[in-house]
Amino acid sequence: MPGKMAPSRPRRWPWAATLLAVIAAAVAVVWIPIWTLRPFVPQSAAAMARAYALLRAAPAATLVALAAAAALAWRLWGSTRWPGRLLLAAALVPVGAAAWMARQNLFERLFPPLVRTGFASPAAATAFVDPGDMVLAIQVQGDAAAFPVRQIAFHHVVEEEVGGTPVAVTY
């Protein structure tokens, strides 16, 4: 019929682009501090300050991103067929994962404290401690212990009791 226009389809791409931006922001707010604070890699003071600022903001920012992503997915849901709905549901997974990761102490999981240490006499320790190896030594109330740095390098912290006193040995 001349003069009548066909009903226009809703424009979904701005909403979908916004959803992708929210996903990218949620993942970035978690990934950037993890990448910046890598152990054994030099970091600048400015990079450390930015990483710690993001770490502090990440729990709230990822919850806001999760709510925004859910609202955007809900907005797009009605005008999308089942393959698109499957993609919308899948799009919420990285945002939910970022919200969960923002509440985890990744470095505590990577470097758990060494809780159950074993002790050896100085004569027996020569089998696994070389003469030039560095050790962390402590003496409390007449009781002494030495912890080879090479062996605690992965953990960085040893929880032990020396001379009846609980100690945390670290370097």
C-alpha atoms as a PDB file:
ATOM      1  CA  MET A   1       0.000   0.000   0.000  1.00  0.00           C
ATOM      2  CA  PRO A   2       1.575   3.297  -1.006  1.00  0.00           C
ATOM      3  CA  GLY A   3       2.147   5.872   1.677  1.00  0.00           C
ATOM      4  CA  LYS A   4       2.219   3.383   4.556  1.00  0.00           C
ATOM      5  CA  MET A   5       5.542   2.525   6.090  1.00  0.00           C
ATOM      6  CA  ALA A   6       6.323  -0.887   7.441  1.00  0.00           C
ATOM      7  CA  PRO A   7       6.710  -1.009  11.204  1.00  0.00           C
ATOM      8  CA  SER A   8      10.358  -0.554  12.121  1.00  0.00           C
ATOM      9  CA  ARG A   9      12.240  -3.144  14.097  1.00  0.00           C
ATOM     10  CA  PRO A  10      13.695  -1.988  17.377  1.00  0.00           C
ATOM     11  CA  ARG A  11      17.334  -1.033  17.193  1.00  0.00           C
ATOM     12  CA  ARG A  12      19.129  -3.530  19.363  1.00  0.00           C
ATOM     13  CA  TRP A  13      22.735  -2.812  18.487  1.00  0.00           C
ATOM     14  CA  PRO A  14      23.186   0.148  20.885  1.00  0.00           C
ATOM     15  CA  TRP A  15      21.951  -2.020  23.764  1.00  0.00           C
ATOM     16  CA  ALA A  16      24.140  -4.932  22.687  1.00  0.00           C
ATOM     17  CA  ALA A  17      27.177  -2.653  22.351  1.00  0.00           C
ATOM     18  CA  THR A  18      26.522  -1.270  25.824  1.00  0.00           C
ATOM     19  CA  LEU A  19      26.277  -4.819  27.179  1.00  0.00           C
ATOM     20  CA  LEU A  20      29.634  -5.691  25.612  1.00  0.00           C
ATOM     21  CA  ALA A  21      31.180  -2.537  27.120  1.00  0.00           C
ATOM     22  CA  VAL A  22      29.839  -3.460  30.570  1.00  0.00           C
ATOM     23  CA  ILE A  23      31.291  -6.975  30.237  1.00  0.00           C
ATOM     24  CA  ALA A  24      34.670  -5.576  29.176  1.00  0.00           C
ATOM     25  CA  ALA A  25      34.696  -3.088  32.062  1.00  0.00           C
ATOM     26  CA  ALA A  26      33.822  -5.763  34.647  1.00  0.00           C
ATOM     27  CA  VAL A  27      36.542  -8.094  33.405  1.00  0.00           C
ATOM     28  CA  ALA A  28      39.084  -5.247  33.172  1.00  0.00           C
ATOM     29  CA  VAL A  29      38.496  -4.034  36.729  1.00  0.00           C
ATOM     30  CA  VAL A  30      39.460  -7.515  37.959  1.00  0.00           C
ATOM     31  CA  TRP A  31      42.134  -8.432  35.411  1.00  0.00           C
ATOM     32  CA  ILE A  32      44.202  -5.209  35.475  1.00  0.00           C
ATOM     33  CA  PRO A  33      45.199  -5.521  39.171  1.00  0.00           C
ATOM     34  CA  ILE A  34      46.003  -9.217  38.729  1.00  0.00           C
ATOM     35  CA  TRP A  35      48.212  -8.412  35.744  1.00  0.00           C
ATOM     36  CA  THR A  36      49.860  -5.423  37.416  1.00  0.00           C
ATOM     37  CA  LEU A  37      50.562  -7.090  40.767  1.00  0.00           C
ATOM     38  CA  ARG A  38      52.273 -10.156  39.322  1.00  0.00           C
ATOM     39  CA  PRO A  39      54.893 -11.499  41.724  1.00  0.00           C
ATOM     40  CA  PHE A  40      58.554 -11.312  40.756  1.00  0.00           C
ATOM     41  CA  VAL A  41      57.903  -8.638  38.107  1.00  0.00           C
ATOM     42  CA  PRO A  42      59.012  -5.037  38.698  1.00  0.00           C
ATOM     43  CA  GLN A  43      56.194  -2.522  39.044  1.00  0.00           C
ATOM     44  CA  SER A  44      56.182   1.255  39.231  1.00  0.00           C
ATOM     45  CA  ALA A  45      54.691   3.118  42.166  1.00  0.00           C
ATOM     46  CA  ALA A  46      52.026   4.671  39.930  1.00  0.00           C
ATOM     47  CA  ALA A  47      51.012   1.280  38.513  1.00  0.00           C
ATOM     48  CA  MET A  48      50.799  -0.157  42.026  1.00  0.00           C
ATOM     49  CA  ALA A  49      48.635   2.765  43.176  1.00  0.00           C
ATOM     50  CA  ARG A  50      46.257   2.258  40.225  1.00  0.00           C
ATOM     51  CA  ALA A  51      46.124  -1.499  40.803  1.00  0.00           C
ATOM     52  CA  TYR A  52      45.302  -1.117  44.503  1.00  0.00           C
ATOM     53  CA  ALA A  53      42.670   1.527  43.718  1.00  0.00           C
ATOM     54  CA  LEU A  54      41.039  -0.902  41.288  1.00  0.00           C
ATOM     55  CA  LEU A  55      41.248  -3.702  43.868  1.00  0.00           C
ATOM     56  CA  ARG A  56      39.373  -1.527  46.360  1.00  0.00           C
ATOM     57  CA  ALA A  57      36.747  -0.495  43.789  1.00  0.00           C
ATOM     58  CA  ALA A  58      36.324  -3.917  42.158  1.00  0.00           C
ATOM     59  CA  PRO A  59      33.760  -5.471  44.554  1.00  0.00           C
ATOM     60  CA  ALA A  60      31.299  -2.586  44.186  1.00  0.00           C
ATOM     61  CA  ALA A  61      32.083  -1.959  40.508  1.00  0.00           C
ATOM     62  CA  THR A  62      31.516  -5.572  39.521  1.00  0.00           C
ATOM     63  CA  LEU A  63      28.194  -5.706  41.381  1.00  0.00           C
ATOM     64  CA  VAL A  64      27.069  -2.574  39.540  1.00  0.00           C
ATOM     65  CA  ALA A  65      28.282  -4.143  36.274  1.00  0.00           C
ATOM     66  CA  LEU A  66      26.395  -7.359  37.024  1.00  0.00           C
ATOM     67  CA  ALA A  67      23.185  -5.421  37.698  1.00  0.00           C
ATOM     68  CA  ALA A  68      23.658  -3.329  34.547  1.00  0.00           C
ATOM     69  CA  ALA A  69      24.430  -6.414  32.428  1.00  0.00           C
ATOM     70  CA  ALA A  70      21.340  -8.188  33.781  1.00  0.00           C
ATOM     71  CA  ALA A  71      19.182  -5.126  33.035  1.00  0.00           C
ATOM     72  CA  LEU A  72      20.595  -4.853  29.509  1.00  0.00           C
ATOM     73  CA  ALA A  73      20.084  -8.570  28.901  1.00  0.00           C
ATOM     74  CA  TRP A  74      16.492  -8.229  30.148  1.00  0.00           C
ATOM     75  CA  ARG A  75      15.977  -5.260  27.805  1.00  0.00           C
ATOM     76  CA  LEU A  76      17.243  -7.291  24.828  1.00  0.00           C
ATOM     77  CA  TRP A  77      15.538 -10.546  25.819  1.00  0.00           C
ATOM     78  CA  GLY A  78      12.063  -9.833  24.437  1.00  0.00           C
ATOM     79  CA  SER A  79      13.212  -8.822  20.966  1.00  0.00           C
ATOM     80  CA  THR A  80      15.626 -11.743  20.538  1.00  0.00           C
ATOM     81  CA  ARG A  81      15.113 -15.302  19.372  1.00  0.00           C
ATOM     82  CA  TRP A  82      16.474 -18.317  21.218  1.00  0.00           C
ATOM     83  CA  PRO A  83      20.072 -18.210  19.786  1.00  0.00           C
ATOM     84  CA  GLY A  84      20.330 -14.586  20.880  1.00  0.00           C
ATOM     85  CA  ARG A  85      18.871 -15.417  24.262  1.00  0.00           C
ATOM     86  CA  LEU A  86      21.485 -18.118  24.674  1.00  0.00           C
ATOM     87  CA  LEU A  87      24.165 -15.529  23.921  1.00  0.00           C
ATOM     88  CA  LEU A  88      22.609 -13.099  26.392  1.00  0.00           C
ATOM     89  CA  ALA A  89      22.664 -15.729  29.121  1.00  0.00           C
ATOM     90  CA  ALA A  90      26.263 -16.612  28.239  1.00  0.00           C
ATOM     91  CA  ALA A  91      27.198 -12.910  28.348  1.00  0.00           C
ATOM     92  CA  LEU A  92      26.274 -12.792  32.027  1.00  0.00           C
ATOM     93  CA  VAL A  93      28.803 -15.515  32.883  1.00  0.00           C
ATOM     94  CA  PRO A  94      31.993 -13.402  32.591  1.00  0.00           C
ATOM     95  CA  VAL A  95      30.370 -10.559  34.537  1.00  0.00           C
ATOM     96  CA  GLY A  96      29.289 -12.978  37.281  1.00  0.00           C
ATOM     97  CA  ALA A  97      32.772 -14.524  37.296  1.00  0.00           C
ATOM     98  CA  ALA A  98      34.315 -11.062  37.609  1.00  0.00           C
ATOM     99  CA  ALA A  99      31.989 -10.250  40.523  1.00  0.00           C
ATOM    100  CA  TRP A 100      33.057 -13.471  42.239  1.00  0.00           C
ATOM    101  CA  MET A 101      36.793 -12.943  41.524  1.00  0.00           C
ATOM    102  CA  ALA A 102      36.624  -9.390  42.888  1.00  0.00           C
ATOM    103  CA  ARG A 103      35.845 -10.894  46.292  1.00  0.00           C
ATOM    104  CA  GLN A 104      38.715 -13.423  46.292  1.00  0.00           C
ATOM    105  CA  ASN A 105      42.262 -12.877  47.504  1.00  0.00           C
ATOM    106  CA  LEU A 106      44.019 -14.428  44.537  1.00  0.00           C
ATOM    107  CA  PHE A 107      47.499 -13.943  45.953  1.00  0.00           C
ATOM    108  CA  GLU A 108      46.561 -15.730  49.159  1.00  0.00           C
ATOM    109  CA  ARG A 109      45.440 -18.656  47.007  1.00  0.00           C
ATOM    110  CA  LEU A 110      48.618 -18.530  44.919  1.00  0.00           C
ATOM    111  CA  PHE A 111      50.980 -18.349  47.891  1.00  0.00           C
ATOM    112  CA  PRO A 112      49.440 -20.204  50.827  1.00  0.00           C
ATOM    113  CA  PRO A 113      51.397 -20.111  54.096  1.00  0.00           C
ATOM    114  CA  LEU A 114      53.508 -23.143  54.878  1.00  0.00           C
ATOM    115  CA  VAL A 115      51.728 -24.501  57.945  1.00  0.00           C
ATOM    116  CA  ARG A 116      53.212 -27.951  58.559  1.00  0.00           C
ATOM    117  CA  THR A 117      56.961 -27.625  58.570  1.00  0.00           C
ATOM    118  CA  GLY A 118      59.404 -30.411  59.202  1.00  0.00           C
ATOM    119  CA  PHE A 119      62.541 -30.057  61.226  1.00  0.00           C
ATOM    120  CA  ALA A 120      65.880 -31.770  60.842  1.00  0.00           C
ATOM    121  CA  SER A 121      69.029 -31.732  62.929  1.00  0.00           C
ATOM    122  CA  PRO A 122      71.889 -29.596  61.606  1.00  0.00           C
ATOM    123  CA  ALA A 123      73.729 -32.753  60.531  1.00  0.00           C
ATOM    124  CA  ALA A 124      70.718 -34.078  58.596  1.00  0.00           C
ATOM    125  CA  ALA A 125      70.032 -30.660  57.041  1.00  0.00           C
ATOM    126  CA  THR A 126      73.311 -30.810  55.101  1.00  0.00           C
ATOM    127  CA  ALA A 127      71.532 -33.204  52.724  1.00  0.00           C
ATOM    128  CA  PHE A 128      69.233 -30.436  51.427  1.00  0.00           C
ATOM    129  CA  VAL A 129      70.831 -27.150  52.574  1.00  0.00           C
ATOM    130  CA  ASP A 130      74.031 -26.147  50.803  1.00  0.00           C
ATOM    131  CA  PRO A 131      76.718 -24.217  52.716  1.00  0.00           C
ATOM    132  CA  GLY A 132      76.006 -20.989  50.774  1.00  0.00           C
ATOM    133  CA  ASP A 133      72.212 -21.131  51.093  1.00  0.00           C
ATOM    134  CA  MET A 134      70.482 -18.271  52.877  1.00  0.00           C
ATOM    135  CA  VAL A 135      68.321 -19.155  55.850  1.00  0.00           C
ATOM    136  CA  LEU A 136      65.893 -17.217  58.013  1.00  0.00           C
ATOM    137  CA  ALA A 137      66.810 -17.941  61.602  1.00  0.00           C
ATOM    138  CA  ILE A 138      64.911 -17.242  64.798  1.00  0.00           C
ATOM    139  CA  GLN A 139      65.602 -17.905  68.454  1.00  0.00           C
ATOM    140  CA  VAL A 140      62.891 -17.653  71.097  1.00  0.00           C
ATOM    141  CA  GLN A 141      63.403 -18.614  74.747  1.00  0.00           C
ATOM    142  CA  GLY A 142      66.460 -20.725  73.966  1.00  0.00           C
ATOM    143  CA  ASP A 143      64.776 -22.628  71.109  1.00  0.00           C
ATOM    144  CA  ALA A 144      66.187 -21.948  67.633  1.00  0.00           C
ATOM    145  CA  ALA A 145      64.974 -22.734  64.128  1.00  0.00           C
ATOM    146  CA  ALA A 146      66.298 -21.958  60.656  1.00  0.00           C
ATOM    147  CA  PHE A 147      64.209 -21.905  57.496  1.00  0.00           C
ATOM    148  CA  PRO A 148      66.013 -22.224  54.132  1.00  0.00           C
ATOM    149  CA  VAL A 149      64.881 -19.384  51.876  1.00  0.00           C
ATOM    150  CA  ARG A 150      65.083 -21.642  48.819  1.00  0.00           C
ATOM    151  CA  GLN A 151      62.510 -23.982  50.342  1.00  0.00           C
ATOM    152  CA  ILE A 152      60.033 -21.351  51.504  1.00  0.00           C
ATOM    153  CA  ALA A 153      60.339 -19.198  48.378  1.00  0.00           C
ATOM    154  CA  PHE A 154      57.007 -20.401  47.027  1.00  0.00           C
ATOM    155  CA  HIS A 155      55.088 -19.789  50.233  1.00  0.00           C
ATOM    156  CA  HIS A 156      56.850 -16.628  51.476  1.00  0.00           C
ATOM    157  CA  VAL A 157      55.313 -17.215  54.907  1.00  0.00           C
ATOM    158  CA  VAL A 158      55.918 -20.003  57.396  1.00  0.00           C
ATOM    159  CA  GLU A 159      53.616 -20.370  60.389  1.00  0.00           C
ATOM    160  CA  GLU A 160      55.419 -22.214  63.156  1.00  0.00           C
ATOM    161  CA  GLU A 161      55.907 -22.388  66.901  1.00  0.00           C
ATOM    162  CA  VAL A 162      59.392 -21.689  68.233  1.00  0.00           C
ATOM    163  CA  GLY A 163      60.117 -21.774  71.948  1.00  0.00           C
ATOM    164  CA  GLY A 164      56.391 -22.163  72.644  1.00  0.00           C
ATOM    165  CA  THR A 165      55.595 -18.923  70.820  1.00  0.00           C
ATOM    166  CA  PRO A 166      53.640 -18.856  67.541  1.00  0.00           C
ATOM    167  CA  VAL A 167      55.645 -17.031  64.864  1.00  0.00           C
ATOM    168  CA  ALA A 168      55.123 -16.076  61.244  1.00  0.00           C
ATOM    169  CA  VAL A 169      58.444 -16.125  59.399  1.00  0.00           C
ATOM    170  CA  THR A 170      58.514 -14.211  56.141  1.00  0.00           C
ATOM    171  CA  TYR A 171      60.853 -12.318  53.887  1.00  0.00           C
END
